PDB file of all heavy atoms in Angstrom:
ATOM      1  N   PHE A   1      50.329 118.198-147.020  1.00  0.00           N
ATOM      2  CA  PHE A   1      50.185 116.995-146.210  1.00  0.00           C
ATOM      3  C   PHE A   1      49.741 115.864-147.139  1.00  0.00           C
ATOM      4  O   PHE A   1      48.765 116.016-147.828  1.00  0.00           O
ATOM      5  CB  PHE A   1      49.193 117.173-145.089  1.00  0.00           C
ATOM      6  CG  PHE A   1      49.627 118.148-144.042  1.00  0.00           C
ATOM      7  CD1 PHE A   1      49.603 119.496-144.280  1.00  0.00           C
ATOM      8  CD2 PHE A   1      50.014 117.686-142.773  1.00  0.00           C
ATOM      9  CE1 PHE A   1      49.996 120.412-143.316  1.00  0.00           C
ATOM     10  CE2 PHE A   1      50.441 118.595-141.802  1.00  0.00           C
ATOM     11  CZ  PHE A   1      50.446 119.980-142.081  1.00  0.00           C
ATOM     12  N   THR A   2      50.450 114.743-147.178  1.00  0.00           N
ATOM     13  CA  THR A   2      50.097 113.676-148.051  1.00  0.00           C
ATOM     14  C   THR A   2      50.568 112.348-147.499  1.00  0.00           C
ATOM     15  O   THR A   2      51.614 112.301-146.768  1.00  0.00           O
ATOM     16  CB  THR A   2      50.643 113.852-149.462  1.00  0.00           C
ATOM     17  OG1 THR A   2      50.155 112.778-150.305  1.00  0.00           O
ATOM     18  CG2 THR A   2      52.125 113.910-149.513  1.00  0.00           C
ATOM     19  N   GLY A   3      49.919 111.259-147.876  1.00  0.00           N
ATOM     20  CA  GLY A   3      50.405 109.917-147.567  1.00  0.00           C
ATOM     21  C   GLY A   3      50.979 109.252-148.778  1.00  0.00           C
ATOM     22  O   GLY A   3      51.641 108.206-148.678  1.00  0.00           O
ATOM     23  N   THR A   4      50.755 109.853-149.943  1.00  0.00           N
ATOM     24  CA  THR A   4      51.231 109.280-151.218  1.00  0.00           C
ATOM     25  C   THR A   4      51.781 110.343-152.130  1.00  0.00           C
ATOM     26  O   THR A   4      51.148 110.738-153.107  1.00  0.00           O
ATOM     27  CB  THR A   4      50.059 108.540-151.914  1.00  0.00           C
ATOM     28  OG1 THR A   4      48.926 109.441-152.040  1.00  0.00           O
ATOM     29  CG2 THR A   4      49.629 107.329-151.154  1.00  0.00           C
ATOM     30  N   PRO A   5      52.980 110.855-151.860  1.00  0.00           N
ATOM     31  CA  PRO A   5      53.554 111.844-152.750  1.00  0.00           C
ATOM     32  C   PRO A   5      53.768 111.264-154.155  1.00  0.00           C
ATOM     33  O   PRO A   5      54.092 110.078-154.285  1.00  0.00           O
ATOM     34  CB  PRO A   5      54.894 112.193-152.096  1.00  0.00           C
ATOM     35  CG  PRO A   5      55.190 111.022-151.180  1.00  0.00           C
ATOM     36  CD  PRO A   5      53.862 110.473-150.739  1.00  0.00           C
ATOM     37  N   VAL A   6      53.629 112.078-155.146  1.00  0.00           N
ATOM     38  CA  VAL A   6      53.729 111.682-156.540  1.00  0.00           C
ATOM     39  C   VAL A   6      54.957 112.266-157.187  1.00  0.00           C
ATOM     40  O   VAL A   6      55.243 113.441-157.049  1.00  0.00           O
ATOM     41  CB  VAL A   6      52.441 112.109-157.331  1.00  0.00           C
ATOM     42  CG1 VAL A   6      52.605 111.756-158.782  1.00  0.00           C
ATOM     43  CG2 VAL A   6      51.219 111.435-156.738  1.00  0.00           C
ATOM     44  N   VAL A   7      55.680 111.423-157.938  1.00  0.00           N
ATOM     45  CA  VAL A   7      56.782 111.871-158.739  1.00  0.00           C
ATOM     46  C   VAL A   7      56.613 111.286-160.138  1.00  0.00           C
ATOM     47  O   VAL A   7      56.769 110.076-160.334  1.00  0.00           O
ATOM     48  CB  VAL A   7      58.179 111.469-158.161  1.00  0.00           C
ATOM     49  CG1 VAL A   7      59.280 111.945-159.081  1.00  0.00           C
ATOM     50  CG2 VAL A   7      58.350 112.004-156.781  1.00  0.00           C
ATOM     51  N   GLU A   8      56.267 112.119-161.115  1.00  0.00           N
ATOM     52  CA  GLU A   8      56.073 111.659-162.497  1.00  0.00           C
ATOM     53  C   GLU A   8      57.214 112.130-163.378  1.00  0.00           C
ATOM     54  O   GLU A   8      57.788 113.192-163.134  1.00  0.00           O
ATOM     55  CB  GLU A   8      54.745 112.178-163.018  1.00  0.00           C
ATOM     56  CG  GLU A   8      53.510 111.615-162.310  1.00  0.00           C
ATOM     57  CD  GLU A   8      52.249 112.193-162.854  1.00  0.00           C
ATOM     58  OE1 GLU A   8      52.253 113.226-163.528  1.00  0.00           O
ATOM     59  OE2 GLU A   8      51.185 111.572-162.611  1.00  0.00           O
ATOM     60  N   ASP A   9      57.498 111.342-164.424  1.00  0.00           N
ATOM     61  CA  ASP A   9      58.535 111.727-165.340  1.00  0.00           C
ATOM     62  C   ASP A   9      58.127 112.835-166.274  1.00  0.00           C
ATOM     63  O   ASP A   9      56.954 113.114-166.434  1.00  0.00           O
ATOM     64  CB  ASP A   9      58.904 110.469-166.220  1.00  0.00           C
ATOM     65  CG  ASP A   9      59.515 109.357-165.419  1.00  0.00           C
ATOM     66  OD1 ASP A   9      60.135 109.661-164.359  1.00  0.00           O
ATOM     67  OD2 ASP A   9      59.390 108.194-165.806  1.00  0.00           O
ATOM     68  N   GLY A  10      59.117 113.537-166.783  1.00  0.00           N
ATOM     69  CA  GLY A  10      58.816 114.595-167.765  1.00  0.00           C
ATOM     70  C   GLY A  10      58.705 115.964-167.104  1.00  0.00           C
ATOM     71  O   GLY A  10      58.421 116.109-165.905  1.00  0.00           O
ATOM     72  N   LYS A  11      58.887 116.946-167.899  1.00  0.00           N
ATOM     73  CA  LYS A  11      58.867 118.320-167.439  1.00  0.00           C
ATOM     74  C   LYS A  11      57.505 118.733-166.858  1.00  0.00           C
ATOM     75  O   LYS A  11      57.423 119.507-165.896  1.00  0.00           O
ATOM     76  CB  LYS A  11      59.251 119.284-168.597  1.00  0.00           C
ATOM     77  CG  LYS A  11      59.376 120.749-168.185  1.00  0.00           C
ATOM     78  CD  LYS A  11      59.826 121.583-169.378  1.00  0.00           C
ATOM     79  CE  LYS A  11      59.936 123.052-168.966  1.00  0.00           C
ATOM     80  NZ  LYS A  11      60.365 123.887-170.139  1.00  0.00           N
ATOM     81  N   GLU A  12      56.468 118.171-167.488  1.00  0.00           N
ATOM     82  CA  GLU A  12      55.077 118.528-167.047  1.00  0.00           C
ATOM     83  C   GLU A  12      54.533 117.540-166.037  1.00  0.00           C
ATOM     84  O   GLU A  12      53.397 117.701-165.632  1.00  0.00           O
ATOM     85  CB  GLU A  12      54.177 118.586-168.284  1.00  0.00           C
ATOM     86  CG  GLU A  12      54.595 119.573-169.364  1.00  0.00           C
ATOM     87  CD  GLU A  12      54.653 121.001-168.820  1.00  0.00           C
ATOM     88  OE1 GLU A  12      53.790 121.337-167.974  1.00  0.00           O
ATOM     89  OE2 GLU A  12      55.536 121.766-169.254  1.00  0.00           O
ATOM     90  N   GLY A  13      55.340 116.543-165.655  1.00  0.00           N
ATOM     91  CA  GLY A  13      54.858 115.553-164.732  1.00  0.00           C
ATOM     92  C   GLY A  13      54.667 116.122-163.331  1.00  0.00           C
ATOM     93  O   GLY A  13      55.392 117.018-162.905  1.00  0.00           O
ATOM     94  N   ARG A  14      53.683 115.577-162.637  1.00  0.00           N
ATOM     95  CA  ARG A  14      53.428 116.033-161.256  1.00  0.00           C
ATOM     96  C   ARG A  14      54.579 115.609-160.314  1.00  0.00           C
ATOM     97  O   ARG A  14      55.116 114.516-160.478  1.00  0.00           O
ATOM     98  CB  ARG A  14      52.118 115.479-160.717  1.00  0.00           C
ATOM     99  CG  ARG A  14      50.870 115.987-161.447  1.00  0.00           C
ATOM    100  CD  ARG A  14      49.627 115.382-160.842  1.00  0.00           C
ATOM    101  NE  ARG A  14      49.641 113.912-161.047  1.00  0.00           N
ATOM    102  CZ  ARG A  14      48.938 113.085-160.251  1.00  0.00           C
ATOM    103  NH1 ARG A  14      48.246 113.539-159.209  1.00  0.00           N
ATOM    104  NH2 ARG A  14      48.989 111.777-160.494  1.00  0.00           N
ATOM    105  N   ASN A  15      54.907 116.481-159.382  1.00  0.00           N
ATOM    106  CA  ASN A  15      55.992 116.174-158.441  1.00  0.00           C
ATOM    107  C   ASN A  15      55.639 116.870-157.136  1.00  0.00           C
ATOM    108  O   ASN A  15      55.823 118.069-156.999  1.00  0.00           O
ATOM    109  CB  ASN A  15      57.350 116.635-158.979  1.00  0.00           C
ATOM    110  CG  ASN A  15      58.495 116.147-158.136  1.00  0.00           C
ATOM    111  OD1 ASN A  15      58.395 116.143-156.924  1.00  0.00           O
ATOM    112  ND2 ASN A  15      59.558 115.731-158.800  1.00  0.00           N
ATOM    113  N   THR A  16      55.155 116.086-156.183  1.00  0.00           N
ATOM    114  CA  THR A  16      54.747 116.656-154.882  1.00  0.00           C
ATOM    115  C   THR A  16      55.886 117.260-154.195  1.00  0.00           C
ATOM    116  O   THR A  16      55.778 118.287-153.504  1.00  0.00           O
ATOM    117  CB  THR A  16      54.137 115.557-154.025  1.00  0.00           C
ATOM    118  OG1 THR A  16      53.154 114.823-154.772  1.00  0.00           O
ATOM    119  CG2 THR A  16      53.386 116.172-152.823  1.00  0.00           C
ATOM    120  N   PHE A  17      57.108 116.676-154.284  1.00  0.00           N
ATOM    121  CA  PHE A  17      58.251 117.198-153.563  1.00  0.00           C
ATOM    122  C   PHE A  17      58.668 118.572-154.137  1.00  0.00           C
ATOM    123  O   PHE A  17      59.020 119.476-153.419  1.00  0.00           O
ATOM    124  CB  PHE A  17      59.437 116.234-153.655  1.00  0.00           C
ATOM    125  CG  PHE A  17      59.152 114.926-152.956  1.00  0.00           C
ATOM    126  CD1 PHE A  17      58.822 113.809-153.675  1.00  0.00           C
ATOM    127  CD2 PHE A  17      59.279 114.806-151.591  1.00  0.00           C
ATOM    128  CE1 PHE A  17      58.526 112.584-153.049  1.00  0.00           C
ATOM    129  CE2 PHE A  17      59.031 113.608-150.928  1.00  0.00           C
ATOM    130  CZ  PHE A  17      58.660 112.491-151.684  1.00  0.00           C
ATOM    131  N   LYS A  18      58.608 118.665-155.494  1.00  0.00           N
ATOM    132  CA  LYS A  18      58.992 119.942-156.125  1.00  0.00           C
ATOM    133  C   LYS A  18      58.003 121.042-155.731  1.00  0.00           C
ATOM    134  O   LYS A  18      58.401 122.203-155.564  1.00  0.00           O
ATOM    135  CB  LYS A  18      58.986 119.746-157.627  1.00  0.00           C
ATOM    136  CG  LYS A  18      59.400 120.989-158.411  1.00  0.00           C
ATOM    137  CD  LYS A  18      59.422 120.681-159.920  1.00  0.00           C
ATOM    138  CE  LYS A  18      59.845 121.944-160.697  1.00  0.00           C
ATOM    139  NZ  LYS A  18      59.843 121.637-162.162  1.00  0.00           N
ATOM    140  N   GLU A  19      56.708 120.675-155.588  1.00  0.00           N
ATOM    141  CA  GLU A  19      55.702 121.683-155.238  1.00  0.00           C
ATOM    142  C   GLU A  19      55.815 122.203-153.825  1.00  0.00           C
ATOM    143  O   GLU A  19      55.612 123.374-153.570  1.00  0.00           O
ATOM    144  CB  GLU A  19      54.298 121.098-155.465  1.00  0.00           C
ATOM    145  CG  GLU A  19      53.913 120.890-156.891  1.00  0.00           C
ATOM    146  CD  GLU A  19      53.794 122.196-157.670  1.00  0.00           C
ATOM    147  OE1 GLU A  19      53.463 123.227-157.046  1.00  0.00           O
ATOM    148  OE2 GLU A  19      54.040 122.195-158.902  1.00  0.00           O
ATOM    149  N   PHE A  20      56.187 121.289-152.900  1.00  0.00           N
ATOM    150  CA  PHE A  20      56.101 121.694-151.511  1.00  0.00           C
ATOM    151  C   PHE A  20      57.447 121.667-150.744  1.00  0.00           C
ATOM    152  O   PHE A  20      57.509 122.211-149.630  1.00  0.00           O
ATOM    153  CB  PHE A  20      55.107 120.784-150.790  1.00  0.00           C
ATOM    154  CG  PHE A  20      53.646 121.089-151.118  1.00  0.00           C
ATOM    155  CD1 PHE A  20      53.005 120.352-152.090  1.00  0.00           C
ATOM    156  CD2 PHE A  20      52.994 122.106-150.470  1.00  0.00           C
ATOM    157  CE1 PHE A  20      51.687 120.608-152.457  1.00  0.00           C
ATOM    158  CE2 PHE A  20      51.676 122.376-150.820  1.00  0.00           C
ATOM    159  CZ  PHE A  20      51.030 121.613-151.806  1.00  0.00           C
ATOM    160  N   SER A  21      58.448 121.043-151.298  1.00  0.00           N
ATOM    161  CA  SER A  21      59.721 120.936-150.542  1.00  0.00           C
ATOM    162  C   SER A  21      60.718 121.970-151.036  1.00  0.00           C
ATOM    163  O   SER A  21      60.944 122.107-152.221  1.00  0.00           O
ATOM    164  CB  SER A  21      60.298 119.540-150.701  1.00  0.00           C
ATOM    165  OG  SER A  21      59.414 118.568-150.199  1.00  0.00           O
ATOM    166  N   PRO A  22      61.334 122.708-150.124  1.00  0.00           N
ATOM    167  CA  PRO A  22      62.405 123.663-150.512  1.00  0.00           C
ATOM    168  C   PRO A  22      63.575 122.869-151.117  1.00  0.00           C
ATOM    169  O   PRO A  22      63.743 121.666-150.895  1.00  0.00           O
ATOM    170  CB  PRO A  22      62.794 124.296-149.214  1.00  0.00           C
ATOM    171  CG  PRO A  22      61.694 124.012-148.210  1.00  0.00           C
ATOM    172  CD  PRO A  22      61.098 122.714-148.649  1.00  0.00           C
ATOM    173  N   GLU A  23      64.385 123.573-151.906  1.00  0.00           N
ATOM    174  CA  GLU A  23      65.543 122.925-152.532  1.00  0.00           C
ATOM    175  C   GLU A  23      66.414 122.305-151.445  1.00  0.00           C
ATOM    176  O   GLU A  23      66.759 122.959-150.478  1.00  0.00           O
ATOM    177  CB  GLU A  23      66.305 123.956-153.330  1.00  0.00           C
ATOM    178  CG  GLU A  23      67.438 123.374-154.143  1.00  0.00           C
ATOM    179  CD  GLU A  23      68.098 124.366-155.066  1.00  0.00           C
ATOM    180  OE1 GLU A  23      67.582 125.503-155.164  1.00  0.00           O
ATOM    181  OE2 GLU A  23      69.140 124.024-155.655  1.00  0.00           O
ATOM    182  N   GLY A  24      66.809 121.099-151.676  1.00  0.00           N
ATOM    183  CA  GLY A  24      67.686 120.400-150.703  1.00  0.00           C
ATOM    184  C   GLY A  24      66.975 119.725-149.570  1.00  0.00           C
ATOM    185  O   GLY A  24      67.668 119.153-148.697  1.00  0.00           O
ATOM    186  N   GLU A  25      65.685 119.777-149.571  1.00  0.00           N
ATOM    187  CA  GLU A  25      64.872 119.135-148.485  1.00  0.00           C
ATOM    188  C   GLU A  25      63.760 118.295-149.088  1.00  0.00           C
ATOM    189  O   GLU A  25      63.048 118.753-149.944  1.00  0.00           O
ATOM    190  CB  GLU A  25      64.315 120.214-147.560  1.00  0.00           C
ATOM    191  CG  GLU A  25      63.360 119.643-146.478  1.00  0.00           C
ATOM    192  CD  GLU A  25      62.729 120.755-145.656  1.00  0.00           C
ATOM    193  OE1 GLU A  25      63.407 121.377-144.830  1.00  0.00           O
ATOM    194  OE2 GLU A  25      61.537 121.008-145.865  1.00  0.00           O
ATOM    195  N   ASP A  26      63.653 117.060-148.642  1.00  0.00           N
ATOM    196  CA  ASP A  26      62.600 116.175-149.178  1.00  0.00           C
ATOM    197  C   ASP A  26      61.277 116.407-148.428  1.00  0.00           C
ATOM    198  O   ASP A  26      60.226 116.458-149.028  1.00  0.00           O
ATOM    199  CB  ASP A  26      62.986 114.717-149.049  1.00  0.00           C
ATOM    200  CG  ASP A  26      64.062 114.359-150.073  1.00  0.00           C
ATOM    201  OD1 ASP A  26      64.121 115.007-151.114  1.00  0.00           O
ATOM    202  OD2 ASP A  26      64.842 113.408-149.802  1.00  0.00           O
ATOM    203  N   TYR A  27      61.353 116.540-147.106  1.00  0.00           N
ATOM    204  CA  TYR A  27      60.122 116.692-146.328  1.00  0.00           C
ATOM    205  C   TYR A  27      60.488 117.215-144.937  1.00  0.00           C
ATOM    206  O   TYR A  27      61.636 117.066-144.479  1.00  0.00           O
ATOM    207  CB  TYR A  27      59.330 115.403-146.205  1.00  0.00           C
ATOM    208  CG  TYR A  27      60.196 114.139-145.901  1.00  0.00           C
ATOM    209  CD1 TYR A  27      60.624 113.900-144.620  1.00  0.00           C
ATOM    210  CD2 TYR A  27      60.595 113.294-146.915  1.00  0.00           C
ATOM    211  CE1 TYR A  27      61.438 112.806-144.335  1.00  0.00           C
ATOM    212  CE2 TYR A  27      61.370 112.214-146.666  1.00  0.00           C
ATOM    213  CZ  TYR A  27      61.789 111.934-145.366  1.00  0.00           C
ATOM    214  OH  TYR A  27      62.550 110.857-145.123  1.00  0.00           O
ATOM    215  N   ILE A  28      59.482 117.777-144.270  1.00  0.00           N
ATOM    216  CA  ILE A  28      59.654 118.268-142.910  1.00  0.00           C
ATOM    217  C   ILE A  28      59.642 117.075-141.938  1.00  0.00           C
ATOM    218  O   ILE A  28      60.450 116.972-141.029  1.00  0.00           O
ATOM    219  CB  ILE A  28      58.520 119.240-142.528  1.00  0.00           C
ATOM    220  CG1 ILE A  28      58.584 120.511-143.340  1.00  0.00           C
ATOM    221  CG2 ILE A  28      58.628 119.595-141.022  1.00  0.00           C
ATOM    222  CD1 ILE A  28      57.396 121.425-143.118  1.00  0.00           C
ATOM    223  N   HIS A  29      58.696 116.173-142.188  1.00  0.00           N
ATOM    224  CA  HIS A  29      58.586 114.977-141.322  1.00  0.00           C
ATOM    225  C   HIS A  29      57.940 113.858-142.080  1.00  0.00           C
ATOM    226  O   HIS A  29      57.100 114.085-142.956  1.00  0.00           O
ATOM    227  CB  HIS A  29      57.727 115.321-140.114  1.00  0.00           C
ATOM    228  CG  HIS A  29      57.733 114.239-139.058  1.00  0.00           C
ATOM    229  ND1 HIS A  29      56.705 113.305-138.951  1.00  0.00           N
ATOM    230  CD2 HIS A  29      58.600 113.957-138.070  1.00  0.00           C
ATOM    231  CE1 HIS A  29      56.989 112.479-137.962  1.00  0.00           C
ATOM    232  NE2 HIS A  29      58.129 112.860-137.415  1.00  0.00           N
ATOM    233  N   ARG A  30      58.355 112.605-141.767  1.00  0.00           N
ATOM    234  CA  ARG A  30      57.759 111.440-142.465  1.00  0.00           C
ATOM    235  C   ARG A  30      57.375 110.455-141.316  1.00  0.00           C
ATOM    236  O   ARG A  30      58.044 110.201-140.362  1.00  0.00           O
ATOM    237  CB  ARG A  30      58.743 110.756-143.406  1.00  0.00           C
ATOM    238  CG  ARG A  30      58.062 109.588-144.090  1.00  0.00           C
ATOM    239  CD  ARG A  30      59.012 108.844-145.054  1.00  0.00           C
ATOM    240  NE  ARG A  30      58.281 107.750-145.695  1.00  0.00           N
ATOM    241  CZ  ARG A  30      58.838 106.835-146.442  1.00  0.00           C
ATOM    242  NH1 ARG A  30      60.153 106.867-146.663  1.00  0.00           N
ATOM    243  NH2 ARG A  30      58.125 105.860-146.986  1.00  0.00           N
ATOM    244  N   TYR A  31      56.164 109.926-141.544  1.00  0.00           N
ATOM    245  CA  TYR A  31      55.656 108.838-140.642  1.00  0.00           C
ATOM    246  C   TYR A  31      55.206 107.717-141.593  1.00  0.00           C
ATOM    247  O   TYR A  31      54.215 107.846-142.325  1.00  0.00           O
ATOM    248  CB  TYR A  31      54.480 109.366-139.849  1.00  0.00           C
ATOM    249  CG  TYR A  31      53.957 108.412-138.771  1.00  0.00           C
ATOM    250  CD1 TYR A  31      54.725 108.160-137.630  1.00  0.00           C
ATOM    251  CD2 TYR A  31      52.742 107.801-138.935  1.00  0.00           C
ATOM    252  CE1 TYR A  31      54.248 107.272-136.659  1.00  0.00           C
ATOM    253  CE2 TYR A  31      52.262 106.950-137.944  1.00  0.00           C
ATOM    254  CZ  TYR A  31      53.016 106.691-136.837  1.00  0.00           C
ATOM    255  OH  TYR A  31      52.546 105.797-135.846  1.00  0.00           O
ATOM    256  N   SER A  32      55.957 106.613-141.543  1.00  0.00           N
ATOM    257  CA  SER A  32      55.747 105.567-142.558  1.00  0.00           C
ATOM    258  C   SER A  32      54.689 104.572-142.117  1.00  0.00           C
ATOM    259  O   SER A  32      54.237 104.556-140.980  1.00  0.00           O
ATOM    260  CB  SER A  32      57.078 104.813-142.769  1.00  0.00           C
ATOM    261  OG  SER A  32      57.430 104.062-141.608  1.00  0.00           O
ATOM    262  N   ILE A  33      54.273 103.734-143.083  1.00  0.00           N
ATOM    263  CA  ILE A  33      53.286 102.709-142.769  1.00  0.00           C
ATOM    264  C   ILE A  33      53.820 101.684-141.737  1.00  0.00           C
ATOM    265  O   ILE A  33      53.089 101.211-140.882  1.00  0.00           O
ATOM    266  CB  ILE A  33      52.825 101.965-144.086  1.00  0.00           C
ATOM    267  CG1 ILE A  33      51.631 101.070-143.763  1.00  0.00           C
ATOM    268  CG2 ILE A  33      53.980 101.197-144.715  1.00  0.00           C
ATOM    269  CD1 ILE A  33      50.993 100.505-144.993  1.00  0.00           C
ATOM    270  N   ASP A  34      55.126 101.440-141.814  1.00  0.00           N
ATOM    271  CA  ASP A  34      55.722 100.530-140.826  1.00  0.00           C
ATOM    272  C   ASP A  34      55.646 101.127-139.431  1.00  0.00           C
ATOM    273  O   ASP A  34      55.383 100.419-138.441  1.00  0.00           O
ATOM    274  CB  ASP A  34      57.195 100.243-141.170  1.00  0.00           C
ATOM    275  CG  ASP A  34      57.319  99.374-142.385  1.00  0.00           C
ATOM    276  OD1 ASP A  34      56.395  98.685-142.744  1.00  0.00           O
ATOM    277  OD2 ASP A  34      58.417  99.404-143.019  1.00  0.00           O
TER     278      ASP A  34
END
């Protein structure tokens, strides 16, 4: 659960989507600031 997913460049960069999202899926649900 996050409000600010992180995607960093490089092999060692942090990537919230890679850690928690299955292949082919970005997220289960999104609720935006708008």
